C-alpha atoms as a PDB file:
ATOM      1  CA  MET A   1      -5.323   3.999 -22.275  1.00  0.00           C
ATOM      2  CA  LYS A   2      -4.824   2.015 -19.049  1.00  0.00           C
ATOM      3  CA  LYS A   3      -7.498   2.148 -16.311  1.00  0.00           C
ATOM      4  CA  ALA A   4      -6.995   1.545 -12.586  1.00  0.00           C
ATOM      5  CA  ARG A   5      -9.167   1.644  -9.487  1.00  0.00           C
ATOM      6  CA  GLY A   6      -7.971   3.680  -6.512  1.00  0.00           C
ATOM      7  CA  TYR A   7      -7.768   2.164  -3.022  1.00  0.00           C
ATOM      8  CA  VAL A   8      -7.897   4.265   0.147  1.00  0.00           C
ATOM      9  CA  PHE A   9      -8.186   3.780   3.904  1.00  0.00           C
ATOM     10  CA  SER A  10     -10.383   5.509   6.414  1.00  0.00           C
ATOM     11  CA  ARG A  11      -8.232   4.223   9.268  1.00  0.00           C
ATOM     12  CA  SER A  12      -4.681   4.870  10.378  1.00  0.00           C
ATOM     13  CA  PHE A  13      -1.758   3.077   8.794  1.00  0.00           C
ATOM     14  CA  PHE A  14       1.949   3.392   9.418  1.00  0.00           C
ATOM     15  CA  GLU A  15       1.075   5.267  12.620  1.00  0.00           C
ATOM     16  CA  SER A  16      -0.612   8.130  10.804  1.00  0.00           C
ATOM     17  CA  ARG A  17      -3.978   8.989   9.345  1.00  0.00           C
ATOM     18  CA  VAL A  18      -4.266  10.618   5.945  1.00  0.00           C
ATOM     19  CA  PRO A  19      -7.727  11.975   5.080  1.00  0.00           C
ATOM     20  CA  GLN A  20      -9.360  10.141   2.187  1.00  0.00           C
ATOM     21  CA  HIS A  21      -9.646  13.263   0.053  1.00  0.00           C
ATOM     22  CA  ILE A  22      -5.857  13.742   0.298  1.00  0.00           C
ATOM     23  CA  GLN A  23      -5.263  10.074  -0.558  1.00  0.00           C
ATOM     24  CA  ASN A  24      -7.529  10.482  -3.594  1.00  0.00           C
ATOM     25  CA  LEU A  25      -5.695  13.633  -4.724  1.00  0.00           C
ATOM     26  CA  VAL A  26      -2.341  11.824  -4.555  1.00  0.00           C
ATOM     27  CA  ILE A  27      -3.764   8.815  -6.431  1.00  0.00           C
ATOM     28  CA  ARG A  28      -5.361  11.059  -9.067  1.00  0.00           C
ATOM     29  CA  ASN A  29      -2.054  12.895  -9.598  1.00  0.00           C
ATOM     30  CA  PHE A  30      -0.163   9.587  -9.831  1.00  0.00           C
ATOM     31  CA  CYS A  31      -2.613   8.367 -12.468  1.00  0.00           C
ATOM     32  CA  LYS A  32      -2.347  11.587 -14.463  1.00  0.00           C
ATOM     33  CA  THR A  33       1.455  11.459 -14.376  1.00  0.00           C
ATOM     34  CA  ASN A  34       1.465   7.807 -15.496  1.00  0.00           C
ATOM     35  CA  ASN A  35      -1.242   8.109 -18.186  1.00  0.00           C
ATOM     36  CA  ILE A  36      -3.698   5.948 -16.268  1.00  0.00           C
ATOM     37  CA  ILE A  37      -7.446   6.593 -16.289  1.00  0.00           C
ATOM     38  CA  TYR A  38      -8.345   6.959 -12.626  1.00  0.00           C
ATOM     39  CA  LEU A  39     -11.487   5.141 -11.531  1.00  0.00           C
ATOM     40  CA  LEU A  40     -13.035   6.215  -8.240  1.00  0.00           C
ATOM     41  CA  SER A  41     -11.367   4.715  -5.201  1.00  0.00           C
ATOM     42  CA  ALA A  42     -12.658   1.816  -3.191  1.00  0.00           C
ATOM     43  CA  SER A  43     -12.627   2.745   0.523  1.00  0.00           C
ATOM     44  CA  GLU A  44     -11.604   0.075   2.992  1.00  0.00           C
ATOM     45  CA  TYR A  45     -13.660  -0.498   6.128  1.00  0.00           C
ATOM     46  CA  SER A  46     -12.307   1.246   9.210  1.00  0.00           C
ATOM     47  CA  MET A  47     -12.091  -1.947  11.301  1.00  0.00           C
ATOM     48  CA  LYS A  48      -8.525  -2.890  12.201  1.00  0.00           C
ATOM     49  CA  ASN A  49      -6.986  -5.467   9.845  1.00  0.00           C
ATOM     50  CA  SER A  50      -9.996  -5.428   7.529  1.00  0.00           C
ATOM     51  CA  TYR A  51      -9.198  -6.029   3.869  1.00  0.00           C
ATOM     52  CA  LEU A  52     -12.666  -7.052   2.675  1.00  0.00           C
ATOM     53  CA  ILE A  53     -12.945  -4.158   0.209  1.00  0.00           C
ATOM     54  CA  LEU A  54      -9.448  -4.828  -1.166  1.00  0.00           C
ATOM     55  CA  LYS A  55     -10.241  -8.513  -1.731  1.00  0.00           C
ATOM     56  CA  SER A  56     -13.535  -7.588  -3.390  1.00  0.00           C
ATOM     57  CA  THR A  57     -11.787  -5.022  -5.606  1.00  0.00           C
ATOM     58  CA  ILE A  58      -9.182  -7.593  -6.681  1.00  0.00           C
ATOM     59  CA  LYS A  59     -11.999  -9.912  -7.799  1.00  0.00           C
ATOM     60  CA  LYS A  60     -13.490  -7.134  -9.970  1.00  0.00           C
ATOM     61  CA  LEU A  61     -10.468  -6.248 -12.117  1.00  0.00           C
ATOM     62  CA  ASN A  62     -11.846  -7.718 -15.361  1.00  0.00           C
ATOM     63  CA  ASN A  63     -11.653  -4.641 -17.602  1.00  0.00           C
ATOM     64  CA  ILE A  64      -9.045  -2.625 -15.737  1.00  0.00           C
ATOM     65  CA  GLU A  65      -5.301  -2.902 -15.371  1.00  0.00           C
ATOM     66  CA  GLY A  66      -4.980  -2.820 -11.607  1.00  0.00           C
ATOM     67  CA  ILE A  67      -5.297  -0.985  -8.322  1.00  0.00           C
ATOM     68  CA  VAL A  68      -3.610   2.240  -7.247  1.00  0.00           C
ATOM     69  CA  PHE A  69      -2.924   2.280  -3.502  1.00  0.00           C
ATOM     70  CA  TYR A  70      -2.155   5.534  -1.775  1.00  0.00           C
ATOM     71  CA  SER A  71       0.807   3.798  -0.058  1.00  0.00           C
ATOM     72  CA  ILE A  72       2.572   0.455   0.164  1.00  0.00           C
ATOM     73  CA  PHE A  73       1.822   0.567   3.897  1.00  0.00           C
ATOM     74  CA  GLN A  74      -1.843  -0.081   3.161  1.00  0.00           C
ATOM     75  CA  LEU A  75      -1.019  -3.661   2.237  1.00  0.00           C
ATOM     76  CA  PRO A  76      -1.965  -6.258   4.862  1.00  0.00           C
ATOM     77  CA  SER A  77       0.600  -6.588   7.645  1.00  0.00           C
ATOM     78  CA  GLU A  78       0.343 -10.396   7.527  1.00  0.00           C
ATOM     79  CA  ILE A  79       2.846 -11.724   4.963  1.00  0.00           C
ATOM     80  CA  ASN A  80       0.680 -14.669   3.880  1.00  0.00           C
ATOM     81  CA  GLU A  81      -2.174 -12.291   3.051  1.00  0.00           C
ATOM     82  CA  ARG A  82       0.205 -10.154   0.992  1.00  0.00           C
ATOM     83  CA  LYS A  83       1.589 -13.194  -0.838  1.00  0.00           C
ATOM     84  CA  SER A  84      -1.949 -14.290  -1.669  1.00  0.00           C
ATOM     85  CA  ILE A  85      -2.667 -10.844  -3.127  1.00  0.00           C
ATOM     86  CA  TYR A  86       0.596 -10.792  -5.102  1.00  0.00           C
ATOM     87  CA  LYS A  87      -0.099 -14.265  -6.484  1.00  0.00           C
ATOM     88  CA  LYS A  88      -3.639 -13.376  -7.616  1.00  0.00           C
ATOM     89  CA  ILE A  89      -2.543 -10.080  -9.207  1.00  0.00           C
ATOM     90  CA  LEU A  90       0.333 -11.660 -11.141  1.00  0.00           C
ATOM     91  CA  LYS A  91      -1.720 -14.711 -12.152  1.00  0.00           C
ATOM     92  CA  ASP A  92      -4.391 -12.428 -13.617  1.00  0.00           C
ATOM     93  CA  ASN A  93      -1.735 -10.271 -15.345  1.00  0.00           C
ATOM     94  CA  LYS A  94      -2.780  -7.168 -13.369  1.00  0.00           C
ATOM     95  CA  LYS A  95      -0.740  -4.522 -11.545  1.00  0.00           C
ATOM     96  CA  LEU A  96      -0.583  -2.877  -8.138  1.00  0.00           C
ATOM     97  CA  TYR A  97       0.572   0.728  -8.021  1.00  0.00           C
ATOM     98  CA  PHE A  98       1.698   2.621  -4.915  1.00  0.00           C
ATOM     99  CA  ALA A  99       1.348   6.353  -5.445  1.00  0.00           C
ATOM    100  CA  VAL A 100       3.386   7.800  -2.558  1.00  0.00           C
ATOM    101  CA  GLU A 101       6.350   5.517  -3.168  1.00  0.00           C
ATOM    102  CA  ASN A 102       5.976   5.622  -6.985  1.00  0.00           C
ATOM    103  CA  LEU A 103       6.262   1.830  -7.173  1.00  0.00           C
ATOM    104  CA  THR A 104       4.541  -0.797  -9.317  1.00  0.00           C
ATOM    105  CA  LEU A 105       4.080  -4.526  -8.797  1.00  0.00           C
ATOM    106  CA  LYS A 106       3.966  -6.160 -12.219  1.00  0.00           C
ATOM    107  CA  THR A 107       6.485  -9.029 -11.993  1.00  0.00           C
ATOM    108  CA  LYS A 108       7.682 -11.530  -9.395  1.00  0.00           C
ATOM    109  CA  SER A 109      10.914  -9.572  -8.951  1.00  0.00           C
ATOM    110  CA  ASP A 110       8.887  -6.539  -7.830  1.00  0.00           C
ATOM    111  CA  ILE A 111       7.658  -8.545  -4.826  1.00  0.00           C
ATOM    112  CA  ASP A 112      11.174  -8.593  -3.332  1.00  0.00           C
ATOM    113  CA  LYS A 113      11.437  -4.813  -3.613  1.00  0.00           C
ATOM    114  CA  LEU A 114       8.087  -4.306  -1.858  1.00  0.00           C
ATOM    115  CA  GLU A 115       8.857  -6.841   0.848  1.00  0.00           C
ATOM    116  CA  ASN A 116      12.275  -5.275   1.520  1.00  0.00           C
ATOM    117  CA  ILE A 117      10.638  -1.888   2.099  1.00  0.00           C
ATOM    118  CA  LEU A 118       8.022  -3.410   4.403  1.00  0.00           C
ATOM    119  CA  ASN A 119      10.663  -5.384   6.330  1.00  0.00           C
ATOM    120  CA  ILE A 120      12.851  -2.315   6.810  1.00  0.00           C
ATOM    121  CA  GLN A 121       9.863  -0.357   8.093  1.00  0.00           C
ATOM    122  CA  ASN A 122       9.010  -3.167  10.519  1.00  0.00           C
ATOM    123  CA  LEU A 123      12.578  -3.163  11.827  1.00  0.00           C
ATOM    124  CA  LEU A 124      12.571   0.607  12.206  1.00  0.00           C
ATOM    125  CA  SER A 125       9.287   0.614  14.084  1.00  0.00           C
ATOM    126  CA  ASP A 126      10.776  -1.886  16.569  1.00  0.00           C
ATOM    127  CA  SER A 127      13.902   0.247  17.072  1.00  0.00           C
ATOM    128  CA  LEU A 128      14.505   2.805  19.764  1.00  0.00           C
ATOM    129  CA  SER A 129      13.665   6.364  18.858  1.00  0.00           C
ATOM    130  CA  LYS A 130      16.398   9.002  18.934  1.00  0.00           C
ATOM    131  CA  PHE A 131      14.987  10.240  22.242  1.00  0.00           C
ATOM    132  CA  GLU A 132      14.846   6.754  23.778  1.00  0.00           C
ATOM    133  CA  LEU A 133      18.388   5.955  22.650  1.00  0.00           C
ATOM    134  CA  LYS A 134      19.737   9.204  24.090  1.00  0.00           C
ATOM    135  CA  LYS A 135      17.954   8.527  27.389  1.00  0.00           C
ATOM    136  CA  TYR A 136      19.302   4.955  27.491  1.00  0.00           C
ATOM    137  CA  LEU A 137      22.876   6.034  26.779  1.00  0.00           C
ATOM    138  CA  LYS A 138      22.720   8.803  29.364  1.00  0.00           C
ATOM    139  CA  LYS A 139      21.431   6.414  31.985  1.00  0.00           C
ATOM    140  CA  ASN A 140      23.885   3.585  31.259  1.00  0.00           C
ATOM    141  CA  TYR A 141      27.118   5.351  30.246  1.00  0.00           C
END
């Protein structure tokens, strides 16, 4: 049976904060559904843009299949950091799982899917909210 290490945050991501015990429950359920033996999660440091625990976890994947993230939005925001992670994972024939989105990175073609989701989210976060748009239209038209 496949084994994977969980990966959780203690800080906010995607403008929200999900308690670690909830992240672990979602990861555990994902693993159960996908016949993966869940290994206790590695918890990232709370400092902004810290990925030290993730990088350390990636180096320690010898006898396990991969890492189960709570969400794709826990990946580094810097594209070059993400590409470095993708490259290492694929080179070592490992996998990244994303429990909330029910996605898996196991081939190069999966990178495009992940990056499209992240790019769309970045565009949406830069867009006007419904309230801001309504206010703008009212003021200007």
